[in-house]
Amino acid sequence: MADSVKLYTLSTCGHCKSTKTFLNECKVKYDFTDVDLFHGDERAAILEDVKKWNPNCSFPTIIIGDTVIVGYKEDEIREALGL
């Protein structure tokens, strides 16, 4: 299974919630950042990080090891996790 899983999400995004639910059901540990809950410089810095992985800056942006998945794509997430 992949070492690290990082999500950039929005607190109000249905696809983001589905991604978290799926990872929880698979008992995958992950870190997430609800970008919309940050403001000002902190939010700008987080968005710069997101753009490094996903230039379109859309959500969810999922980083599994070196693999970047944009959107809730269960098959791709499963494959990247080795499930």
N, C-alpha and C. Protein backbone atom coordinates (compact mmCIF):
# COMPACT_ATOMS: atom_id res chain seq x y z
N MET A 1 0.85 -1.20 0.00
CA MET A 1 0.00 0.00 0.00
C MET A 1 0.88 1.25 0.00
N ALA A 2 0.41 2.29 -0.64
CA ALA A 2 1.18 3.54 -0.76
C ALA A 2 1.52 4.10 0.62
N ASP A 3 2.68 4.75 0.71
CA ASP A 3 3.14 5.30 1.99
C ASP A 3 2.27 6.43 2.47
N SER A 4 2.11 7.43 1.62
CA SER A 4 1.42 8.62 2.10
C SER A 4 0.25 8.96 1.18
N VAL A 5 -0.83 9.38 1.80
CA VAL A 5 -2.02 9.80 1.06
C VAL A 5 -2.39 11.18 1.57
N LYS A 6 -2.47 12.13 0.64
CA LYS A 6 -2.78 13.51 0.99
C LYS A 6 -3.94 13.97 0.11
N LEU A 7 -4.93 14.59 0.73
CA LEU A 7 -6.07 15.12 -0.01
C LEU A 7 -6.13 16.62 0.15
N TYR A 8 -6.41 17.29 -0.95
CA TYR A 8 -6.79 18.70 -0.90
C TYR A 8 -8.27 18.72 -1.28
N THR A 9 -9.09 19.21 -0.37
CA THR A 9 -10.54 19.11 -0.54
C THR A 9 -11.22 20.44 -0.21
N LEU A 10 -12.51 20.47 -0.48
CA LEU A 10 -13.37 21.57 -0.03
C LEU A 10 -14.39 20.97 0.93
N SER A 11 -14.69 21.67 2.00
CA SER A 11 -15.59 21.13 3.03
C SER A 11 -17.01 20.92 2.50
N THR A 12 -17.37 21.61 1.42
CA THR A 12 -18.74 21.55 0.90
C THR A 12 -18.86 20.66 -0.34
N CYS A 13 -17.78 20.02 -0.74
CA CYS A 13 -17.73 19.28 -2.02
C CYS A 13 -18.18 17.83 -1.83
N GLY A 14 -19.20 17.44 -2.58
CA GLY A 14 -19.72 16.07 -2.51
C GLY A 14 -18.69 15.03 -2.93
N HIS A 15 -17.92 15.32 -4.01
CA HIS A 15 -16.90 14.37 -4.47
C HIS A 15 -15.79 14.23 -3.43
N CYS A 16 -15.48 15.32 -2.75
CA CYS A 16 -14.46 15.28 -1.69
C CYS A 16 -14.94 14.40 -0.54
N LYS A 17 -16.21 14.57 -0.16
CA LYS A 17 -16.78 13.75 0.92
C LYS A 17 -16.78 12.28 0.52
N SER A 18 -17.12 11.99 -0.72
CA SER A 18 -17.13 10.60 -1.21
C SER A 18 -15.73 10.00 -1.14
N THR A 19 -14.73 10.79 -1.49
CA THR A 19 -13.35 10.31 -1.44
C THR A 19 -12.96 9.96 -0.01
N LYS A 20 -13.26 10.84 0.93
CA LYS A 20 -12.94 10.57 2.34
C LYS A 20 -13.67 9.33 2.83
N THR A 21 -14.95 9.20 2.48
CA THR A 21 -15.74 8.03 2.90
C THR A 21 -15.11 6.76 2.35
N PHE A 22 -14.75 6.78 1.07
CA PHE A 22 -14.14 5.61 0.44
C PHE A 22 -12.84 5.23 1.15
N LEU A 23 -11.97 6.20 1.40
CA LEU A 23 -10.70 5.91 2.08
C LEU A 23 -10.94 5.39 3.49
N ASN A 24 -11.92 5.95 4.18
CA ASN A 24 -12.25 5.46 5.53
C ASN A 24 -12.74 4.01 5.47
N GLU A 25 -13.59 3.70 4.49
CA GLU A 25 -14.10 2.33 4.36
C GLU A 25 -12.97 1.34 4.07
N CYS A 26 -11.94 1.81 3.34
CA CYS A 26 -10.79 0.97 3.02
C CYS A 26 -9.74 0.98 4.13
N LYS A 27 -10.05 1.70 5.20
CA LYS A 27 -9.15 1.83 6.36
C LYS A 27 -7.77 2.37 5.96
N VAL A 28 -7.79 3.37 5.06
CA VAL A 28 -6.57 4.03 4.60
C VAL A 28 -6.36 5.28 5.44
N LYS A 29 -5.14 5.43 5.97
CA LYS A 29 -4.81 6.65 6.70
C LYS A 29 -4.47 7.73 5.69
N TYR A 30 -4.95 8.93 5.92
CA TYR A 30 -4.68 10.04 5.01
C TYR A 30 -4.71 11.35 5.77
N ASP A 31 -4.03 12.32 5.19
CA ASP A 31 -4.09 13.70 5.68
C ASP A 31 -4.93 14.48 4.69
N PHE A 32 -5.72 15.40 5.18
CA PHE A 32 -6.50 16.22 4.27
C PHE A 32 -6.47 17.67 4.71
N THR A 33 -6.67 18.54 3.73
CA THR A 33 -6.77 19.97 3.98
C THR A 33 -8.03 20.46 3.30
N ASP A 34 -8.99 20.94 4.08
CA ASP A 34 -10.19 21.58 3.52
C ASP A 34 -9.80 23.02 3.19
N VAL A 35 -9.44 23.22 1.94
CA VAL A 35 -8.86 24.50 1.50
C VAL A 35 -9.78 25.68 1.79
N ASP A 36 -11.08 25.47 1.64
CA ASP A 36 -12.03 26.59 1.81
C ASP A 36 -12.16 27.06 3.25
N LEU A 37 -11.60 26.32 4.20
CA LEU A 37 -11.68 26.74 5.61
C LEU A 37 -10.51 27.65 6.01
N PHE A 38 -9.59 27.88 5.08
CA PHE A 38 -8.46 28.77 5.33
C PHE A 38 -8.71 30.11 4.64
N HIS A 39 -8.02 31.14 5.10
CA HIS A 39 -8.23 32.49 4.56
C HIS A 39 -6.90 33.19 4.34
N GLY A 40 -6.93 34.21 3.51
CA GLY A 40 -5.78 35.09 3.34
C GLY A 40 -4.53 34.39 2.84
N ASP A 41 -3.40 34.75 3.44
CA ASP A 41 -2.10 34.23 3.00
C ASP A 41 -2.00 32.72 3.16
N GLU A 42 -2.59 32.21 4.23
CA GLU A 42 -2.53 30.77 4.47
C GLU A 42 -3.24 30.02 3.34
N ARG A 43 -4.41 30.50 2.96
CA ARG A 43 -5.16 29.88 1.86
C ARG A 43 -4.38 30.00 0.55
N ALA A 44 -3.80 31.16 0.29
CA ALA A 44 -3.02 31.37 -0.93
C ALA A 44 -1.85 30.39 -1.00
N ALA A 45 -1.19 30.17 0.12
CA ALA A 45 -0.05 29.25 0.17
C ALA A 45 -0.51 27.81 -0.12
N ILE A 46 -1.65 27.43 0.45
CA ILE A 46 -2.19 26.08 0.21
C ILE A 46 -2.55 25.92 -1.26
N LEU A 47 -3.18 26.93 -1.84
CA LEU A 47 -3.55 26.85 -3.26
C LEU A 47 -2.31 26.75 -4.15
N GLU A 48 -1.22 27.38 -3.77
CA GLU A 48 0.03 27.23 -4.52
C GLU A 48 0.51 25.78 -4.46
N ASP A 49 0.38 25.15 -3.30
CA ASP A 49 0.74 23.73 -3.17
C ASP A 49 -0.13 22.87 -4.08
N VAL A 50 -1.44 23.14 -4.08
CA VAL A 50 -2.36 22.37 -4.91
C VAL A 50 -1.95 22.50 -6.38
N LYS A 51 -1.62 23.71 -6.81
CA LYS A 51 -1.28 23.95 -8.22
C LYS A 51 -0.03 23.20 -8.65
N LYS A 52 0.88 22.90 -7.71
CA LYS A 52 2.08 22.11 -8.05
C LYS A 52 1.66 20.71 -8.50
N TRP A 53 0.62 20.18 -7.89
CA TRP A 53 0.13 18.83 -8.21
C TRP A 53 -0.92 18.86 -9.31
N ASN A 54 -1.78 19.89 -9.28
CA ASN A 54 -2.93 19.97 -10.18
C ASN A 54 -3.08 21.43 -10.62
N PRO A 55 -2.49 21.75 -11.78
CA PRO A 55 -2.51 23.15 -12.25
C PRO A 55 -3.91 23.75 -12.37
N ASN A 56 -4.93 22.91 -12.57
CA ASN A 56 -6.31 23.42 -12.67
C ASN A 56 -6.89 23.78 -11.31
N CYS A 57 -6.23 23.30 -10.25
CA CYS A 57 -6.65 23.63 -8.88
C CYS A 57 -8.11 23.23 -8.65
N SER A 58 -8.45 22.00 -9.04
CA SER A 58 -9.80 21.50 -8.83
C SER A 58 -9.77 20.46 -7.71
N PHE A 59 -10.94 20.09 -7.24
CA PHE A 59 -11.03 19.26 -6.04
C PHE A 59 -11.95 18.07 -6.24
N PRO A 60 -11.68 16.97 -5.56
CA PRO A 60 -10.51 16.74 -4.72
C PRO A 60 -9.25 16.52 -5.55
N THR A 61 -8.13 16.93 -5.02
CA THR A 61 -6.82 16.57 -5.56
C THR A 61 -6.25 15.56 -4.57
N ILE A 62 -5.97 14.37 -5.08
CA ILE A 62 -5.54 13.25 -4.24
C ILE A 62 -4.11 12.89 -4.63
N ILE A 63 -3.22 12.86 -3.66
CA ILE A 63 -1.84 12.49 -3.91
C ILE A 63 -1.56 11.20 -3.14
N ILE A 64 -1.26 10.15 -3.90
CA ILE A 64 -0.96 8.85 -3.31
C ILE A 64 0.45 8.50 -3.75
N GLY A 65 1.41 8.62 -2.82
CA GLY A 65 2.80 8.45 -3.20
C GLY A 65 3.16 9.49 -4.24
N ASP A 66 3.53 9.05 -5.47
CA ASP A 66 3.86 9.98 -6.56
C ASP A 66 2.71 10.12 -7.55
N THR A 67 1.60 9.48 -7.27
CA THR A 67 0.45 9.49 -8.18
C THR A 67 -0.52 10.59 -7.79
N VAL A 68 -0.96 11.36 -8.78
CA VAL A 68 -1.94 12.41 -8.54
C VAL A 68 -3.23 12.03 -9.25
N ILE A 69 -4.33 12.05 -8.51
CA ILE A 69 -5.65 11.76 -9.06
C ILE A 69 -6.51 12.99 -8.78
N VAL A 70 -7.16 13.48 -9.81
CA VAL A 70 -8.03 14.64 -9.66
C VAL A 70 -9.46 14.17 -9.82
N GLY A 71 -10.25 14.40 -8.78
CA GLY A 71 -11.64 13.95 -8.81
C GLY A 71 -11.79 12.62 -8.09
N TYR A 72 -13.03 12.26 -7.85
CA TYR A 72 -13.32 11.00 -7.16
C TYR A 72 -13.39 9.89 -8.20
N LYS A 73 -12.28 9.19 -8.37
CA LYS A 73 -12.18 8.11 -9.35
C LYS A 73 -11.79 6.85 -8.59
N GLU A 74 -12.81 6.14 -8.12
CA GLU A 74 -12.59 5.02 -7.21
C GLU A 74 -11.61 3.99 -7.77
N ASP A 75 -11.76 3.64 -9.05
CA ASP A 75 -10.86 2.61 -9.63
C ASP A 75 -9.42 3.08 -9.62
N GLU A 76 -9.18 4.34 -9.97
CA GLU A 76 -7.82 4.86 -9.99
C GLU A 76 -7.24 4.94 -8.58
N ILE A 77 -8.07 5.34 -7.62
CA ILE A 77 -7.63 5.42 -6.22
C ILE A 77 -7.27 4.02 -5.73
N ARG A 78 -8.13 3.07 -6.01
CA ARG A 78 -7.91 1.67 -5.59
C ARG A 78 -6.58 1.15 -6.18
N GLU A 79 -6.38 1.42 -7.48
CA GLU A 79 -5.15 0.96 -8.14
C GLU A 79 -3.92 1.61 -7.53
N ALA A 80 -3.97 2.93 -7.31
CA ALA A 80 -2.83 3.65 -6.74
C ALA A 80 -2.49 3.16 -5.33
N LEU A 81 -3.53 2.73 -4.60
CA LEU A 81 -3.33 2.23 -3.24
C LEU A 81 -2.91 0.76 -3.22
N GLY A 82 -3.04 0.10 -4.37
CA GLY A 82 -2.72 -1.32 -4.42
C GLY A 82 -3.77 -2.16 -3.74
N LEU A 83 -5.04 -1.75 -3.83
CA LEU A 83 -6.13 -2.49 -3.19
C LEU A 83 -6.77 -3.46 -4.17
